[in-house]
């Protein structure tokens, strides 16, 4: 892991621990925003997949 070279940026780190999986992440502010965007896109794709499945099922029933 690479620590920030500027000590003023040290507060831009967030530690995320998931006890269910036993993982620990140290993320910068930019990485947290990227993770949020990734998760938002993932939820949108899951919702779209559900809509498509419902439409396909409705056609064949």
PDB file of N, CA and C in Angstrom:
ATOM      1  N   UNK A   1       0.838  -1.173   0.000  1.00  0.00           N
ATOM      2  CA  UNK A   1       0.000   0.000   0.000  1.00  0.00           C
ATOM      3  C   UNK A   1       0.883   1.235   0.000  1.00  0.00           C
ATOM      4  N   UNK A   2       0.500   2.209  -0.792  1.00  0.00           N
ATOM      5  CA  UNK A   2       1.264   3.441  -0.897  1.00  0.00           C
ATOM      6  C   UNK A   2       0.590   4.530  -0.070  1.00  0.00           C
ATOM      7  N   UNK A   3       1.337   5.119   0.845  1.00  0.00           N
ATOM      8  CA  UNK A   3       0.803   6.190   1.677  1.00  0.00           C
ATOM      9  C   UNK A   3       0.982   7.514   0.961  1.00  0.00           C
ATOM     10  N   UNK A   4       0.123   8.480   1.230  1.00  0.00           N
ATOM     11  CA  UNK A   4       0.239   9.771   0.565  1.00  0.00           C
ATOM     12  C   UNK A   4       1.548  10.465   0.909  1.00  0.00           C
ATOM     13  N   UNK A   5       2.171  11.079  -0.091  1.00  0.00           N
ATOM     14  CA  UNK A   5       3.435  11.769   0.140  1.00  0.00           C
ATOM     15  C   UNK A   5       3.219  13.079   0.886  1.00  0.00           C
ATOM     16  N   UNK A   6       2.047  13.657   0.746  1.00  0.00           N
ATOM     17  CA  UNK A   6       1.728  14.906   1.427  1.00  0.00           C
ATOM     18  C   UNK A   6       0.952  14.579   2.707  1.00  0.00           C
ATOM     19  N   UNK A   7       1.467  14.946   3.890  1.00  0.00           N
ATOM     20  CA  UNK A   7       0.768  14.607   5.136  1.00  0.00           C
ATOM     21  C   UNK A   7      -0.610  15.248   5.254  1.00  0.00           C
ATOM     22  N   UNK A   8      -0.865  16.328   4.523  1.00  0.00           N
ATOM     23  CA  UNK A   8      -2.178  16.955   4.577  1.00  0.00           C
ATOM     24  C   UNK A   8      -3.227  16.108   3.867  1.00  0.00           C
ATOM     25  N   UNK A   9      -2.797  15.233   2.995  1.00  0.00           N
ATOM     26  CA  UNK A   9      -3.718  14.341   2.303  1.00  0.00           C
ATOM     27  C   UNK A   9      -3.998  13.072   3.100  1.00  0.00           C
ATOM     28  N   UNK A  10      -3.351  12.911   4.229  1.00  0.00           N
ATOM     29  CA  UNK A  10      -3.532  11.701   5.031  1.00  0.00           C
ATOM     30  C   UNK A  10      -4.968  11.569   5.515  1.00  0.00           C
ATOM     31  N   UNK A  11      -5.661  12.678   5.651  1.00  0.00           N
ATOM     32  CA  UNK A  11      -7.033  12.630   6.129  1.00  0.00           C
ATOM     33  C   UNK A  11      -8.009  12.267   5.004  1.00  0.00           C
ATOM     34  N   UNK A  12      -7.510  12.127   3.792  1.00  0.00           N
ATOM     35  CA  UNK A  12      -8.343  11.726   2.669  1.00  0.00           C
ATOM     36  C   UNK A  12      -8.409  10.215   2.535  1.00  0.00           C
ATOM     37  N   UNK A  13      -8.049   9.498   3.583  1.00  0.00           N
ATOM     38  CA  UNK A  13      -8.100   8.044   3.569  1.00  0.00           C
ATOM     39  C   UNK A  13      -9.269   7.555   4.406  1.00  0.00           C
ATOM     40  N   UNK A  14      -9.842   6.468   3.968  1.00  0.00           N
ATOM     41  CA  UNK A  14     -10.942   5.847   4.709  1.00  0.00           C
ATOM     42  C   UNK A  14     -10.643   4.357   4.808  1.00  0.00           C
ATOM     43  N   UNK A  15     -10.816   3.811   5.980  1.00  0.00           N
ATOM     44  CA  UNK A  15     -10.616   2.378   6.188  1.00  0.00           C
ATOM     45  C   UNK A  15     -11.989   1.726   6.235  1.00  0.00           C
ATOM     46  N   UNK A  16     -12.192   0.756   5.354  1.00  0.00           N
ATOM     47  CA  UNK A  16     -13.465   0.041   5.280  1.00  0.00           C
ATOM     48  C   UNK A  16     -13.194  -1.412   5.616  1.00  0.00           C
ATOM     49  N   UNK A  17     -13.868  -1.903   6.634  1.00  0.00           N
ATOM     50  CA  UNK A  17     -13.704  -3.293   7.075  1.00  0.00           C
ATOM     51  C   UNK A  17     -15.034  -4.014   6.947  1.00  0.00           C
ATOM     52  N   UNK A  18     -15.011  -5.167   6.306  1.00  0.00           N
ATOM     53  CA  UNK A  18     -16.221  -5.977   6.175  1.00  0.00           C
ATOM     54  C   UNK A  18     -16.034  -7.250   6.996  1.00  0.00           C
ATOM     55  N   UNK A  19     -16.635  -7.313   8.177  1.00  0.00           N
ATOM     56  CA  UNK A  19     -16.433  -8.471   9.047  1.00  0.00           C
ATOM     57  C   UNK A  19     -16.950  -9.776   8.452  1.00  0.00           C
ATOM     58  N   UNK A  20     -17.984  -9.694   7.598  1.00  0.00           N
ATOM     59  CA  UNK A  20     -18.527 -10.924   7.007  1.00  0.00           C
ATOM     60  C   UNK A  20     -17.495 -11.603   6.118  1.00  0.00           C
ATOM     61  N   UNK A  21     -16.690 -10.796   5.435  1.00  0.00           N
ATOM     62  CA  UNK A  21     -15.716 -11.332   4.501  1.00  0.00           C
ATOM     63  C   UNK A  21     -14.305 -11.293   5.042  1.00  0.00           C
ATOM     64  N   UNK A  22     -14.089 -10.563   6.109  1.00  0.00           N
ATOM     65  CA  UNK A  22     -12.759 -10.474   6.704  1.00  0.00           C
ATOM     66  C   UNK A  22     -11.789  -9.641   5.889  1.00  0.00           C
ATOM     67  N   UNK A  23     -12.310  -8.718   5.077  1.00  0.00           N
ATOM     68  CA  UNK A  23     -11.461  -7.869   4.255  1.00  0.00           C
ATOM     69  C   UNK A  23     -11.371  -6.479   4.856  1.00  0.00           C
ATOM     70  N   UNK A  24     -10.240  -5.842   4.607  1.00  0.00           N
ATOM     71  CA  UNK A  24     -10.032  -4.469   5.053  1.00  0.00           C
ATOM     72  C   UNK A  24      -9.456  -3.688   3.875  1.00  0.00           C
ATOM     73  N   UNK A  25     -10.090  -2.579   3.534  1.00  0.00           N
ATOM     74  CA  UNK A  25      -9.616  -1.734   2.453  1.00  0.00           C
ATOM     75  C   UNK A  25      -9.258  -0.370   3.006  1.00  0.00           C
ATOM     76  N   UNK A  26      -8.176   0.187   2.505  1.00  0.00           N
ATOM     77  CA  UNK A  26      -7.808   1.567   2.792  1.00  0.00           C
ATOM     78  C   UNK A  26      -7.939   2.312   1.473  1.00  0.00           C
ATOM     79  N   UNK A  27      -8.931   3.183   1.400  1.00  0.00           N
ATOM     80  CA  UNK A  27      -9.255   3.863   0.153  1.00  0.00           C
ATOM     81  C   UNK A  27      -9.052   5.364   0.277  1.00  0.00           C
ATOM     82  N   UNK A  28      -8.612   5.964  -0.811  1.00  0.00           N
ATOM     83  CA  UNK A  28      -8.522   7.417  -0.859  1.00  0.00           C
ATOM     84  C   UNK A  28      -9.900   7.979  -1.185  1.00  0.00           C
ATOM     85  N   UNK A  29     -10.027   9.271  -1.089  1.00  0.00           N
ATOM     86  CA  UNK A  29     -11.293   9.918  -1.385  1.00  0.00           C
ATOM     87  C   UNK A  29     -11.720   9.642  -2.832  1.00  0.00           C
ATOM     88  N   UNK A  30     -10.780   9.725  -3.760  1.00  0.00           N
ATOM     89  CA  UNK A  30     -11.096   9.447  -5.177  1.00  0.00           C
ATOM     90  C   UNK A  30     -11.542   7.999  -5.363  1.00  0.00           C
ATOM     91  N   UNK A  31     -10.901   7.066  -4.692  1.00  0.00           N
ATOM     92  CA  UNK A  31     -11.281   5.656  -4.803  1.00  0.00           C
ATOM     93  C   UNK A  31     -12.668   5.405  -4.222  1.00  0.00           C
ATOM     94  N   UNK A  32     -13.021   6.122  -3.160  1.00  0.00           N
ATOM     95  CA  UNK A  32     -14.348   5.975  -2.568  1.00  0.00           C
ATOM     96  C   UNK A  32     -15.414   6.463  -3.548  1.00  0.00           C
ATOM     97  N   UNK A  33     -15.148   7.575  -4.220  1.00  0.00           N
ATOM     98  CA  UNK A  33     -16.094   8.090  -5.207  1.00  0.00           C
ATOM     99  C   UNK A  33     -16.217   7.117  -6.372  1.00  0.00           C
ATOM    100  N   UNK A  34     -15.099   6.558  -6.822  1.00  0.00           N
ATOM    101  CA  UNK A  34     -15.133   5.580  -7.907  1.00  0.00           C
ATOM    102  C   UNK A  34     -15.901   4.329  -7.487  1.00  0.00           C
ATOM    103  N   UNK A  35     -15.713   3.884  -6.249  1.00  0.00           N
ATOM    104  CA  UNK A  35     -16.433   2.720  -5.745  1.00  0.00           C
ATOM    105  C   UNK A  35     -17.928   3.000  -5.681  1.00  0.00           C
ATOM    106  N   UNK A  36     -18.296   4.179  -5.235  1.00  0.00           N
ATOM    107  CA  UNK A  36     -19.711   4.557  -5.191  1.00  0.00           C
ATOM    108  C   UNK A  36     -20.321   4.534  -6.593  1.00  0.00           C
ATOM    109  N   UNK A  37     -19.612   5.101  -7.563  1.00  0.00           N
ATOM    110  CA  UNK A  37     -20.103   5.106  -8.943  1.00  0.00           C
ATOM    111  C   UNK A  37     -20.216   3.691  -9.493  1.00  0.00           C
ATOM    112  N   UNK A  38     -19.261   2.844  -9.172  1.00  0.00           N
ATOM    113  CA  UNK A  38     -19.311   1.450  -9.611  1.00  0.00           C
ATOM    114  C   UNK A  38     -20.516   0.737  -9.023  1.00  0.00           C
ATOM    115  N   UNK A  39     -20.773   0.938  -7.738  1.00  0.00           N
ATOM    116  CA  UNK A  39     -21.910   0.295  -7.091  1.00  0.00           C
ATOM    117  C   UNK A  39     -23.240   0.824  -7.627  1.00  0.00           C
ATOM    118  N   UNK A  40     -23.314   2.121  -7.901  1.00  0.00           N
ATOM    119  CA  UNK A  40     -24.532   2.675  -8.490  1.00  0.00           C
ATOM    120  C   UNK A  40     -24.797   2.058  -9.854  1.00  0.00           C
ATOM    121  N   UNK A  41     -23.754   1.906 -10.665  1.00  0.00           N
ATOM    122  CA  UNK A  41     -23.896   1.280 -11.974  1.00  0.00           C
ATOM    123  C   UNK A  41     -24.295  -0.177 -11.862  1.00  0.00           C
ATOM    124  N   UNK A  42     -23.740  -0.852 -10.859  1.00  0.00           N
ATOM    125  CA  UNK A  42     -24.075  -2.264 -10.645  1.00  0.00           C
ATOM    126  C   UNK A  42     -25.553  -2.418 -10.303  1.00  0.00           C
ATOM    127  N   UNK A  43     -26.055  -1.577  -9.400  1.00  0.00           N
ATOM    128  CA  UNK A  43     -27.472  -1.645  -9.026  1.00  0.00           C
ATOM    129  C   UNK A  43     -28.366  -1.333 -10.216  1.00  0.00           C
ATOM    130  N   UNK A  44     -27.956  -0.372 -11.045  1.00  0.00           N
ATOM    131  CA  UNK A  44     -28.746  -0.036 -12.229  1.00  0.00           C
ATOM    132  C   UNK A  44     -28.811  -1.219 -13.187  1.00  0.00           C
ATOM    133  N   UNK A  45     -27.701  -1.907 -13.388  1.00  0.00           N
ATOM    134  CA  UNK A  45     -27.678  -3.067 -14.284  1.00  0.00           C
ATOM    135  C   UNK A  45     -28.501  -4.224 -13.719  1.00  0.00           C
ATOM    136  N   UNK A  46     -28.466  -4.419 -12.411  1.00  0.00           N
ATOM    137  CA  UNK A  46     -29.285  -5.470 -11.796  1.00  0.00           C
ATOM    138  C   UNK A  46     -30.772  -5.155 -11.956  1.00  0.00           C
ATOM    139  N   UNK A  47     -31.121  -3.892 -11.792  1.00  0.00           N
ATOM    140  CA  UNK A  47     -32.518  -3.489 -11.964  1.00  0.00           C
ATOM    141  C   UNK A  47     -32.949  -3.668 -13.414  1.00  0.00           C
ATOM    142  N   UNK A  48     -32.076  -3.283 -14.350  1.00  0.00           N
ATOM    143  CA  UNK A  48     -32.378  -3.462 -15.767  1.00  0.00           C
ATOM    144  C   UNK A  48     -32.542  -4.939 -16.110  1.00  0.00           C
ATOM    145  N   UNK A  49     -31.683  -5.776 -15.560  1.00  0.00           N
ATOM    146  CA  UNK A  49     -31.783  -7.214 -15.784  1.00  0.00           C
ATOM    147  C   UNK A  49     -33.123  -7.752 -15.270  1.00  0.00           C
ATOM    148  N   UNK A  50     -33.559  -7.290 -14.114  1.00  0.00           N
ATOM    149  CA  UNK A  50     -34.852  -7.724 -13.564  1.00  0.00           C
ATOM    150  C   UNK A  50     -36.001  -7.302 -14.463  1.00  0.00           C
ATOM    151  N   UNK A  51     -35.940  -6.073 -14.988  1.00  0.00           N
ATOM    152  CA  UNK A  51     -36.995  -5.584 -15.883  1.00  0.00           C
ATOM    153  C   UNK A  51     -37.039  -6.424 -17.152  1.00  0.00           C
ATOM    154  N   UNK A  52     -35.887  -6.718 -17.717  1.00  0.00           N
ATOM    155  CA  UNK A  52     -35.831  -7.532 -18.936  1.00  0.00           C
ATOM    156  C   UNK A  52     -36.384  -8.926 -18.672  1.00  0.00           C
ATOM    157  N   UNK A  53     -36.008  -9.522 -17.550  1.00  0.00           N
ATOM    158  CA  UNK A  53     -36.512 -10.852 -17.208  1.00  0.00           C
ATOM    159  C   UNK A  53     -38.037 -10.845 -17.072  1.00  0.00           C
ATOM    160  N   UNK A  54     -38.579  -9.815 -16.434  1.00  0.00           N
ATOM    161  CA  UNK A  54     -40.032  -9.713 -16.282  1.00  0.00           C
ATOM    162  C   UNK A  54     -40.722  -9.597 -17.634  1.00  0.00           C
ATOM    163  N   UNK A  55     -40.170  -8.796 -18.532  1.00  0.00           N
ATOM    164  CA  UNK A  55     -40.770  -8.603 -19.858  1.00  0.00           C
ATOM    165  C   UNK A  55     -40.717  -9.895 -20.677  1.00  0.00           C
ATOM    166  N   UNK A  56     -39.590 -10.575 -20.635  1.00  0.00           N
ATOM    167  CA  UNK A  56     -39.460 -11.830 -21.382  1.00  0.00           C
ATOM    168  C   UNK A  56     -40.429 -12.882 -20.822  1.00  0.00           C
ATOM    169  N   UNK A  57     -40.514 -12.954 -19.507  1.00  0.00           N
ATOM    170  CA  UNK A  57     -41.422 -13.933 -18.869  1.00  0.00           C
ATOM    171  C   UNK A  57     -42.870 -13.615 -19.234  1.00  0.00           C
ATOM    172  N   UNK A  58     -43.229 -12.323 -19.274  1.00  0.00           N
ATOM    173  CA  UNK A  58     -44.600 -11.914 -19.592  1.00  0.00           C
ATOM    174  C   UNK A  58     -44.969 -12.290 -21.031  1.00  0.00           C
ATOM    175  N   UNK A  59     -44.019 -12.275 -21.934  1.00  0.00           N
ATOM    176  CA  UNK A  59     -44.294 -12.611 -23.339  1.00  0.00           C
ATOM    177  C   UNK A  59     -44.609 -14.098 -23.483  1.00  0.00           C
ATOM    178  N   UNK A  60     -43.935 -14.935 -22.735  1.00  0.00           N
ATOM    179  CA  UNK A  60     -44.084 -16.380 -22.888  1.00  0.00           C
ATOM    180  C   UNK A  60     -45.147 -16.992 -21.978  1.00  0.00           C
ATOM    181  N   UNK A  61     -45.755 -16.200 -21.116  1.00  0.00           N
ATOM    182  CA  UNK A  61     -46.774 -16.748 -20.211  1.00  0.00           C
ATOM    183  C   UNK A  61     -48.149 -16.373 -20.656  1.00  0.00           C
TER     184      UNK A  61
END
